[in-house]
């Protein structure tokens, strides 16, 4: 049975790279992308952080995932493994449901001041969740398509 899954989502965002980067590394931007389906808390003691201001490597704590922004259902033991400020980050985390969660986000400039955003997700459900892998491999790409639509809409409405 397959235990590790990967997918990629790429979109063009109608904004310059610096503005997109500032949005995608902030807790406010991350939660806006996830709404209304879910939100993610900031770990205790990490208020005011952004992904590019975190120390590389050690976990920063538990970021609770909340269904509809209210009901906690999982947590992300969040670690940033790599950052190229303004261009790229790689999150390597574990969750209650995942023994491995890797989220890579890359930004690239496109003509006319637009930005290409590519997310690559690799995940391995914990043993009790392995049978959920095929379902998660359908649900999680849908969530990331939603995130990209929300990100694009933020800048389309901003203009």
N, C-alpha and C. Protein backbone atom coordinates (compact mmCIF):
# COMPACT_ATOMS: atom_id res chain seq x y z
N UNK A 1 0.84 -1.19 0.00
CA UNK A 1 0.00 0.00 0.00
C UNK A 1 0.88 1.24 0.00
N UNK A 2 0.50 2.20 -0.80
CA UNK A 2 1.25 3.46 -0.91
C UNK A 2 1.17 4.23 0.41
N UNK A 3 2.32 4.75 0.86
CA UNK A 3 2.36 5.44 2.15
C UNK A 3 2.78 6.89 2.04
N UNK A 4 3.31 7.30 0.89
CA UNK A 4 3.73 8.68 0.68
C UNK A 4 3.09 9.19 -0.59
N UNK A 5 2.56 10.40 -0.51
CA UNK A 5 1.83 11.01 -1.61
C UNK A 5 2.43 12.39 -1.90
N UNK A 6 2.40 12.78 -3.17
CA UNK A 6 2.91 14.10 -3.57
C UNK A 6 1.97 14.69 -4.60
N UNK A 7 1.81 16.01 -4.54
CA UNK A 7 1.08 16.73 -5.59
C UNK A 7 1.64 18.14 -5.69
N UNK A 8 1.36 18.79 -6.81
CA UNK A 8 1.83 20.16 -7.07
C UNK A 8 0.67 21.00 -7.55
N UNK A 9 0.64 22.24 -7.11
CA UNK A 9 -0.35 23.22 -7.56
C UNK A 9 0.41 24.48 -7.98
N UNK A 10 0.14 24.95 -9.20
CA UNK A 10 0.78 26.16 -9.72
C UNK A 10 -0.27 27.13 -10.20
N UNK A 11 -0.06 28.42 -9.90
CA UNK A 11 -0.99 29.46 -10.32
C UNK A 11 -0.22 30.74 -10.63
N UNK A 12 -0.87 31.62 -11.39
CA UNK A 12 -0.35 32.96 -11.62
C UNK A 12 -1.15 33.92 -10.75
N UNK A 13 -0.43 34.75 -10.02
CA UNK A 13 -1.05 35.69 -9.10
C UNK A 13 -0.84 37.10 -9.68
N UNK A 14 -1.90 37.91 -9.75
CA UNK A 14 -1.81 39.23 -10.38
C UNK A 14 -1.19 40.30 -9.46
N UNK A 15 0.07 40.04 -9.06
CA UNK A 15 0.77 40.99 -8.19
C UNK A 15 2.27 40.72 -8.29
N UNK A 16 3.08 41.73 -7.96
CA UNK A 16 4.53 41.54 -7.99
C UNK A 16 5.00 40.58 -6.89
N UNK A 17 6.14 39.96 -7.14
CA UNK A 17 6.66 38.93 -6.25
C UNK A 17 6.82 39.40 -4.81
N UNK A 18 7.32 40.58 -4.59
CA UNK A 18 7.54 41.06 -3.22
C UNK A 18 6.23 41.14 -2.44
N UNK A 19 5.17 41.61 -3.09
CA UNK A 19 3.87 41.72 -2.42
C UNK A 19 3.30 40.33 -2.13
N UNK A 20 3.46 39.41 -3.08
CA UNK A 20 2.96 38.05 -2.88
C UNK A 20 3.73 37.38 -1.75
N UNK A 21 5.05 37.53 -1.74
CA UNK A 21 5.86 36.94 -0.68
C UNK A 21 5.42 37.45 0.69
N UNK A 22 5.27 38.77 0.82
CA UNK A 22 4.86 39.34 2.11
C UNK A 22 3.55 38.73 2.58
N UNK A 23 2.66 38.46 1.64
CA UNK A 23 1.36 37.89 1.99
C UNK A 23 1.47 36.42 2.39
N UNK A 24 2.20 35.62 1.61
CA UNK A 24 2.19 34.17 1.83
C UNK A 24 3.02 33.71 3.02
N UNK A 25 3.87 34.57 3.57
CA UNK A 25 4.66 34.16 4.73
C UNK A 25 4.06 34.67 6.04
N UNK A 26 2.97 35.42 5.98
CA UNK A 26 2.36 35.97 7.19
C UNK A 26 1.21 35.08 7.67
N UNK A 27 1.01 34.99 8.99
CA UNK A 27 -0.13 34.23 9.51
C UNK A 27 -1.47 34.73 8.94
N UNK A 28 -1.60 36.05 8.80
CA UNK A 28 -2.84 36.60 8.24
C UNK A 28 -3.08 36.08 6.81
N UNK A 29 -2.03 36.10 5.99
CA UNK A 29 -2.16 35.63 4.61
C UNK A 29 -2.44 34.13 4.53
N UNK A 30 -1.75 33.36 5.36
CA UNK A 30 -1.96 31.91 5.37
C UNK A 30 -3.41 31.60 5.74
N UNK A 31 -3.91 32.24 6.80
CA UNK A 31 -5.28 31.97 7.23
C UNK A 31 -6.30 32.46 6.22
N UNK A 32 -6.01 33.56 5.55
CA UNK A 32 -6.94 34.01 4.51
C UNK A 32 -7.04 32.99 3.39
N UNK A 33 -5.91 32.39 3.02
CA UNK A 33 -5.93 31.35 1.98
C UNK A 33 -6.77 30.15 2.42
N UNK A 34 -6.70 29.79 3.68
CA UNK A 34 -7.38 28.59 4.17
C UNK A 34 -8.88 28.78 4.42
N UNK A 35 -9.30 30.01 4.68
CA UNK A 35 -10.71 30.27 5.02
C UNK A 35 -11.62 29.96 3.85
N UNK A 36 -12.86 29.60 4.06
CA UNK A 36 -13.53 29.43 5.34
C UNK A 36 -13.38 28.02 5.91
N UNK A 37 -12.70 27.14 5.20
CA UNK A 37 -12.66 25.73 5.61
C UNK A 37 -11.89 25.49 6.88
N UNK A 38 -10.80 26.24 7.05
CA UNK A 38 -9.98 26.02 8.23
C UNK A 38 -9.12 27.24 8.50
N UNK A 39 -8.51 27.27 9.68
CA UNK A 39 -7.49 28.24 10.01
C UNK A 39 -6.39 27.51 10.77
N UNK A 40 -5.26 28.21 10.94
CA UNK A 40 -4.13 27.63 11.65
C UNK A 40 -3.66 28.66 12.68
N UNK A 41 -3.55 28.24 13.92
CA UNK A 41 -3.10 29.15 14.98
C UNK A 41 -1.59 29.38 14.86
N UNK A 42 -1.13 30.41 15.53
CA UNK A 42 0.31 30.66 15.68
C UNK A 42 0.74 30.00 16.98
N UNK A 43 1.82 29.23 16.97
CA UNK A 43 2.26 28.60 18.22
C UNK A 43 2.51 29.63 19.32
N UNK A 44 2.27 29.22 20.57
CA UNK A 44 2.52 30.10 21.72
C UNK A 44 3.94 30.64 21.68
N UNK A 45 4.05 31.93 21.94
CA UNK A 45 5.35 32.57 21.96
C UNK A 45 5.86 32.98 20.60
N UNK A 46 5.12 32.67 19.54
CA UNK A 46 5.57 32.99 18.18
C UNK A 46 4.71 34.08 17.54
N UNK A 47 3.96 34.80 18.35
CA UNK A 47 3.12 35.87 17.82
C UNK A 47 4.01 36.89 17.10
N UNK A 48 3.51 37.42 16.00
CA UNK A 48 4.25 38.43 15.25
C UNK A 48 5.30 37.88 14.31
N UNK A 49 5.38 36.57 14.21
CA UNK A 49 6.38 35.96 13.33
C UNK A 49 5.87 35.88 11.90
N UNK A 50 6.79 35.68 10.98
CA UNK A 50 6.47 35.30 9.61
C UNK A 50 7.38 34.13 9.27
N UNK A 51 7.05 33.41 8.24
CA UNK A 51 7.85 32.24 7.88
C UNK A 51 9.31 32.63 7.66
N UNK A 52 9.55 33.77 7.02
CA UNK A 52 10.93 34.13 6.74
C UNK A 52 11.67 34.75 7.93
N UNK A 53 11.00 34.89 9.08
CA UNK A 53 11.70 35.39 10.27
C UNK A 53 11.97 34.27 11.28
N UNK A 54 11.56 33.05 10.95
CA UNK A 54 11.75 31.92 11.85
C UNK A 54 13.17 31.37 11.77
N UNK A 55 13.62 30.78 12.88
CA UNK A 55 14.90 30.08 12.88
C UNK A 55 14.74 28.81 12.03
N UNK A 56 15.73 28.53 11.22
CA UNK A 56 15.71 27.34 10.37
C UNK A 56 15.99 26.12 11.23
N UNK A 57 15.16 25.10 11.09
CA UNK A 57 15.41 23.82 11.74
C UNK A 57 14.51 23.45 12.89
N UNK A 58 14.67 24.06 14.05
CA UNK A 58 13.91 23.56 15.20
C UNK A 58 12.42 23.86 15.09
N UNK A 59 11.58 22.95 15.60
CA UNK A 59 10.14 23.22 15.61
C UNK A 59 9.85 24.47 16.43
N UNK A 60 8.87 25.26 15.96
CA UNK A 60 8.52 26.47 16.72
C UNK A 60 7.35 26.21 17.66
N UNK A 61 6.78 25.03 17.59
CA UNK A 61 5.66 24.69 18.47
C UNK A 61 4.49 24.16 17.69
N UNK A 62 3.37 24.03 18.39
CA UNK A 62 2.17 23.47 17.78
C UNK A 62 1.30 24.58 17.18
N UNK A 63 1.02 24.44 15.91
CA UNK A 63 0.08 25.33 15.23
C UNK A 63 -1.20 24.52 15.07
N UNK A 64 -2.23 24.87 15.81
CA UNK A 64 -3.48 24.11 15.78
C UNK A 64 -4.25 24.38 14.50
N UNK A 65 -4.74 23.34 13.87
CA UNK A 65 -5.60 23.44 12.69
C UNK A 65 -7.04 23.37 13.20
N UNK A 66 -7.85 24.36 12.78
CA UNK A 66 -9.22 24.45 13.28
C UNK A 66 -10.20 24.41 12.12
N UNK A 67 -11.09 23.46 12.16
CA UNK A 67 -12.14 23.34 11.16
C UNK A 67 -13.06 24.54 11.27
N UNK A 68 -13.31 25.20 10.13
CA UNK A 68 -14.14 26.41 10.07
C UNK A 68 -13.65 27.50 11.02
N UNK A 69 -12.36 27.45 11.38
CA UNK A 69 -11.78 28.46 12.25
C UNK A 69 -12.12 28.31 13.71
N UNK A 70 -12.81 27.23 14.08
CA UNK A 70 -13.30 27.08 15.45
C UNK A 70 -12.87 25.76 16.10
N UNK A 71 -13.13 24.64 15.46
CA UNK A 71 -12.98 23.32 16.05
C UNK A 71 -11.58 22.75 15.80
N UNK A 72 -10.73 22.66 16.84
CA UNK A 72 -9.40 22.07 16.64
C UNK A 72 -9.53 20.59 16.24
N UNK A 73 -8.82 20.20 15.19
CA UNK A 73 -8.90 18.80 14.75
C UNK A 73 -7.53 18.17 14.53
N UNK A 74 -6.46 18.96 14.51
CA UNK A 74 -5.12 18.43 14.30
C UNK A 74 -4.15 19.55 14.67
N UNK A 75 -2.89 19.22 14.82
CA UNK A 75 -1.90 20.28 14.97
C UNK A 75 -0.70 19.97 14.12
N UNK A 76 -0.05 21.04 13.72
CA UNK A 76 1.14 20.99 12.89
C UNK A 76 2.31 21.35 13.80
N UNK A 77 3.23 20.42 13.98
CA UNK A 77 4.46 20.72 14.74
C UNK A 77 5.41 21.35 13.73
N UNK A 78 5.28 22.64 13.60
CA UNK A 78 5.82 23.43 12.50
C UNK A 78 7.32 23.64 12.60
N UNK A 79 8.03 23.31 11.50
CA UNK A 79 9.47 23.58 11.36
C UNK A 79 9.72 24.12 9.97
N UNK A 80 10.54 25.13 9.89
CA UNK A 80 10.96 25.65 8.58
C UNK A 80 12.35 25.09 8.32
N UNK A 81 12.49 24.35 7.24
CA UNK A 81 13.75 23.67 6.92
C UNK A 81 14.64 24.51 6.01
N UNK A 82 14.03 25.39 5.22
CA UNK A 82 14.81 26.17 4.26
C UNK A 82 14.02 27.40 3.84
N UNK A 83 14.72 28.51 3.67
CA UNK A 83 14.10 29.74 3.18
C UNK A 83 15.07 30.44 2.25
N UNK A 84 14.58 30.87 1.12
CA UNK A 84 15.27 31.83 0.25
C UNK A 84 14.37 33.06 0.26
N UNK A 85 14.65 34.04 1.12
CA UNK A 85 13.73 35.17 1.30
C UNK A 85 13.27 35.77 -0.03
N UNK A 86 11.96 35.97 -0.09
CA UNK A 86 11.35 36.55 -1.28
C UNK A 86 11.03 35.55 -2.38
N UNK A 87 11.50 34.29 -2.25
CA UNK A 87 11.36 33.32 -3.34
C UNK A 87 10.83 31.94 -2.95
N UNK A 88 11.25 31.42 -1.79
CA UNK A 88 11.03 29.99 -1.54
C UNK A 88 11.08 29.69 -0.04
N UNK A 89 10.22 28.75 0.37
CA UNK A 89 10.38 28.16 1.70
C UNK A 89 10.00 26.68 1.62
N UNK A 90 10.56 25.93 2.57
CA UNK A 90 10.21 24.51 2.72
C UNK A 90 9.91 24.27 4.19
N UNK A 91 8.68 23.84 4.43
CA UNK A 91 8.24 23.46 5.77
C UNK A 91 8.34 21.94 5.87
N UNK A 92 8.93 21.46 6.95
CA UNK A 92 9.02 20.02 7.25
C UNK A 92 8.38 19.84 8.62
N UNK A 93 7.23 19.22 8.68
CA UNK A 93 6.50 19.14 9.93
C UNK A 93 5.93 17.74 10.15
N UNK A 94 5.44 17.54 11.36
CA UNK A 94 4.65 16.36 11.67
C UNK A 94 3.32 16.85 12.23
N UNK A 95 2.34 15.96 12.19
CA UNK A 95 1.01 16.27 12.72
C UNK A 95 0.51 15.05 13.46
N UNK A 96 -0.63 15.21 14.12
CA UNK A 96 -1.27 14.04 14.72
C UNK A 96 -1.56 13.03 13.61
N UNK A 97 -2.02 13.50 12.48
CA UNK A 97 -2.45 12.64 11.38
C UNK A 97 -1.32 12.28 10.41
N UNK A 98 -0.20 13.02 10.43
CA UNK A 98 0.86 12.83 9.44
C UNK A 98 2.20 12.60 10.13
N UNK A 99 2.86 11.53 9.71
CA UNK A 99 4.22 11.35 10.22
C UNK A 99 5.19 12.23 9.45
N UNK A 100 4.76 12.66 8.25
CA UNK A 100 5.59 13.58 7.45
C UNK A 100 4.67 14.51 6.68
N UNK A 101 4.99 15.79 6.72
CA UNK A 101 4.30 16.82 5.94
C UNK A 101 5.37 17.77 5.44
N UNK A 102 5.55 17.84 4.14
CA UNK A 102 6.50 18.78 3.54
C UNK A 102 5.73 19.69 2.60
N UNK A 103 5.85 20.99 2.84
CA UNK A 103 5.21 21.99 1.99
C UNK A 103 6.31 22.90 1.46
N UNK A 104 6.51 22.85 0.15
CA UNK A 104 7.45 23.74 -0.52
C UNK A 104 6.66 24.77 -1.31
N UNK A 105 6.99 26.02 -1.15
CA UNK A 105 6.33 27.08 -1.93
C UNK A 105 7.41 27.90 -2.61
N UNK A 106 7.29 27.99 -3.94
CA UNK A 106 8.25 28.74 -4.75
C UNK A 106 7.52 29.84 -5.51
N UNK A 107 8.10 31.04 -5.49
CA UNK A 107 7.58 32.17 -6.24
C UNK A 107 8.56 32.50 -7.36
N UNK A 108 8.00 32.82 -8.54
CA UNK A 108 8.83 33.20 -9.68
C UNK A 108 8.18 34.36 -10.41
N UNK A 109 8.99 35.32 -10.86
CA UNK A 109 8.41 36.46 -11.57
C UNK A 109 7.89 36.03 -12.95
N UNK A 110 6.78 36.64 -13.35
CA UNK A 110 6.19 36.43 -14.67
C UNK A 110 6.05 37.81 -15.30
N UNK A 111 6.00 37.87 -16.61
CA UNK A 111 5.83 39.14 -17.31
C UNK A 111 4.68 39.95 -16.73
N UNK A 112 4.72 41.24 -16.96
CA UNK A 112 3.66 42.17 -16.56
C UNK A 112 3.46 42.25 -15.05
N UNK A 113 4.49 41.96 -14.26
CA UNK A 113 4.40 42.13 -12.82
C UNK A 113 3.61 41.07 -12.09
N UNK A 114 3.32 39.96 -12.76
CA UNK A 114 2.61 38.86 -12.09
C UNK A 114 3.63 37.92 -11.46
N UNK A 115 3.13 37.01 -10.62
CA UNK A 115 3.99 36.07 -9.91
C UNK A 115 3.45 34.65 -10.07
N UNK A 116 4.34 33.74 -10.40
CA UNK A 116 3.99 32.32 -10.40
C UNK A 116 4.20 31.75 -9.01
N UNK A 117 3.20 31.05 -8.50
CA UNK A 117 3.29 30.40 -7.18
C UNK A 117 3.13 28.91 -7.41
N UNK A 118 4.10 28.15 -6.93
CA UNK A 118 4.04 26.69 -7.04
C UNK A 118 4.20 26.08 -5.66
N UNK A 119 3.21 25.29 -5.26
CA UNK A 119 3.26 24.53 -4.02
C UNK A 119 3.47 23.07 -4.38
N UNK A 120 4.42 22.44 -3.71
CA UNK A 120 4.61 21.00 -3.81
C UNK A 120 4.46 20.44 -2.41
N UNK A 121 3.53 19.51 -2.28
CA UNK A 121 3.22 18.90 -0.99
C UNK A 121 3.57 17.42 -1.06
N UNK A 122 4.28 16.95 -0.06
CA UNK A 122 4.55 15.53 0.12
C UNK A 122 4.07 15.17 1.52
N UNK A 123 3.26 14.13 1.61
CA UNK A 123 2.74 13.76 2.93
C UNK A 123 2.68 12.25 3.08
N UNK A 124 2.86 11.84 4.33
CA UNK A 124 2.78 10.43 4.69
C UNK A 124 1.88 10.33 5.92
N UNK A 125 0.66 9.81 5.73
CA UNK A 125 -0.23 9.66 6.88
C UNK A 125 0.36 8.68 7.90
N UNK A 126 0.04 8.89 9.15
CA UNK A 126 0.46 7.95 10.19
C UNK A 126 -0.20 6.60 9.93
N UNK A 127 0.35 5.57 10.53
CA UNK A 127 -0.09 4.20 10.25
C UNK A 127 -1.60 4.04 10.32
N UNK A 128 -2.24 4.58 11.35
CA UNK A 128 -3.69 4.47 11.48
C UNK A 128 -4.46 5.20 10.40
N UNK A 129 -3.78 6.11 9.70
CA UNK A 129 -4.44 6.93 8.67
C UNK A 129 -4.06 6.50 7.25
N UNK A 130 -3.21 5.47 7.13
CA UNK A 130 -2.71 5.07 5.80
C UNK A 130 -3.85 4.81 4.82
N UNK A 131 -4.92 4.19 5.28
CA UNK A 131 -6.05 3.91 4.39
C UNK A 131 -6.72 5.19 3.90
N UNK A 132 -6.50 6.30 4.61
CA UNK A 132 -7.07 7.59 4.20
C UNK A 132 -6.22 8.26 3.12
N UNK A 133 -5.05 7.72 2.82
CA UNK A 133 -4.16 8.31 1.83
C UNK A 133 -4.82 8.65 0.51
N UNK A 134 -5.53 7.71 -0.12
CA UNK A 134 -6.18 8.03 -1.39
C UNK A 134 -7.20 9.16 -1.28
N UNK A 135 -7.93 9.21 -0.18
CA UNK A 135 -8.90 10.29 0.03
C UNK A 135 -8.17 11.62 0.24
N UNK A 136 -7.14 11.61 1.08
CA UNK A 136 -6.36 12.82 1.32
C UNK A 136 -5.70 13.31 0.04
N UNK A 137 -5.31 12.38 -0.84
CA UNK A 137 -4.68 12.76 -2.10
C UNK A 137 -5.68 13.45 -3.04
N UNK A 138 -6.95 13.35 -2.76
CA UNK A 138 -7.98 14.10 -3.51
C UNK A 138 -8.36 15.40 -2.79
N UNK A 139 -8.49 15.32 -1.47
CA UNK A 139 -8.94 16.48 -0.68
C UNK A 139 -7.86 17.56 -0.60
N UNK A 140 -6.62 17.17 -0.31
CA UNK A 140 -5.57 18.16 -0.13
C UNK A 140 -5.27 18.96 -1.41
N UNK A 141 -5.21 18.35 -2.60
CA UNK A 141 -5.05 19.19 -3.80
C UNK A 141 -6.21 20.17 -3.98
N UNK A 142 -7.42 19.74 -3.64
CA UNK A 142 -8.57 20.66 -3.72
C UNK A 142 -8.37 21.83 -2.76
N UNK A 143 -7.86 21.55 -1.55
CA UNK A 143 -7.59 22.62 -0.59
C UNK A 143 -6.55 23.59 -1.15
N UNK A 144 -5.51 23.08 -1.78
CA UNK A 144 -4.47 23.97 -2.32
C UNK A 144 -4.95 24.73 -3.56
N UNK A 145 -5.84 24.16 -4.35
CA UNK A 145 -6.46 24.94 -5.45
C UNK A 145 -7.27 26.09 -4.85
N UNK A 146 -8.00 25.80 -3.77
CA UNK A 146 -8.77 26.82 -3.06
C UNK A 146 -7.82 27.91 -2.54
N UNK A 147 -6.72 27.51 -1.94
CA UNK A 147 -5.75 28.47 -1.41
C UNK A 147 -5.25 29.39 -2.52
N UNK A 148 -4.93 28.83 -3.67
CA UNK A 148 -4.42 29.63 -4.77
C UNK A 148 -5.49 30.59 -5.30
N UNK A 149 -6.74 30.12 -5.36
CA UNK A 149 -7.83 31.02 -5.79
C UNK A 149 -7.99 32.17 -4.81
N UNK A 150 -7.93 31.88 -3.51
CA UNK A 150 -8.06 32.93 -2.50
C UNK A 150 -6.90 33.92 -2.58
N UNK A 151 -5.70 33.42 -2.80
CA UNK A 151 -4.53 34.30 -2.91
C UNK A 151 -4.68 35.21 -4.14
N UNK A 152 -5.05 34.63 -5.27
CA UNK A 152 -5.26 35.44 -6.48
C UNK A 152 -6.36 36.47 -6.27
N UNK A 153 -7.45 36.07 -5.63
CA UNK A 153 -8.57 36.98 -5.39
C UNK A 153 -8.16 38.13 -4.48
N UNK A 154 -7.32 37.86 -3.51
CA UNK A 154 -6.85 38.93 -2.61
C UNK A 154 -6.21 40.04 -3.42
N UNK A 155 -5.35 39.68 -4.36
CA UNK A 155 -4.65 40.70 -5.14
C UNK A 155 -5.53 41.27 -6.25
N UNK A 156 -6.43 40.48 -6.79
CA UNK A 156 -7.36 41.00 -7.82
C UNK A 156 -8.27 42.05 -7.20
N UNK A 157 -8.70 41.83 -5.96
CA UNK A 157 -9.59 42.77 -5.27
C UNK A 157 -8.81 43.96 -4.70
N UNK A 158 -7.50 43.78 -4.54
CA UNK A 158 -6.66 44.82 -3.97
C UNK A 158 -6.38 45.94 -4.98
N UNK A 159 -6.37 45.53 -6.28
CA UNK A 159 -5.93 46.41 -7.34
C UNK A 159 -6.82 47.50 -7.69
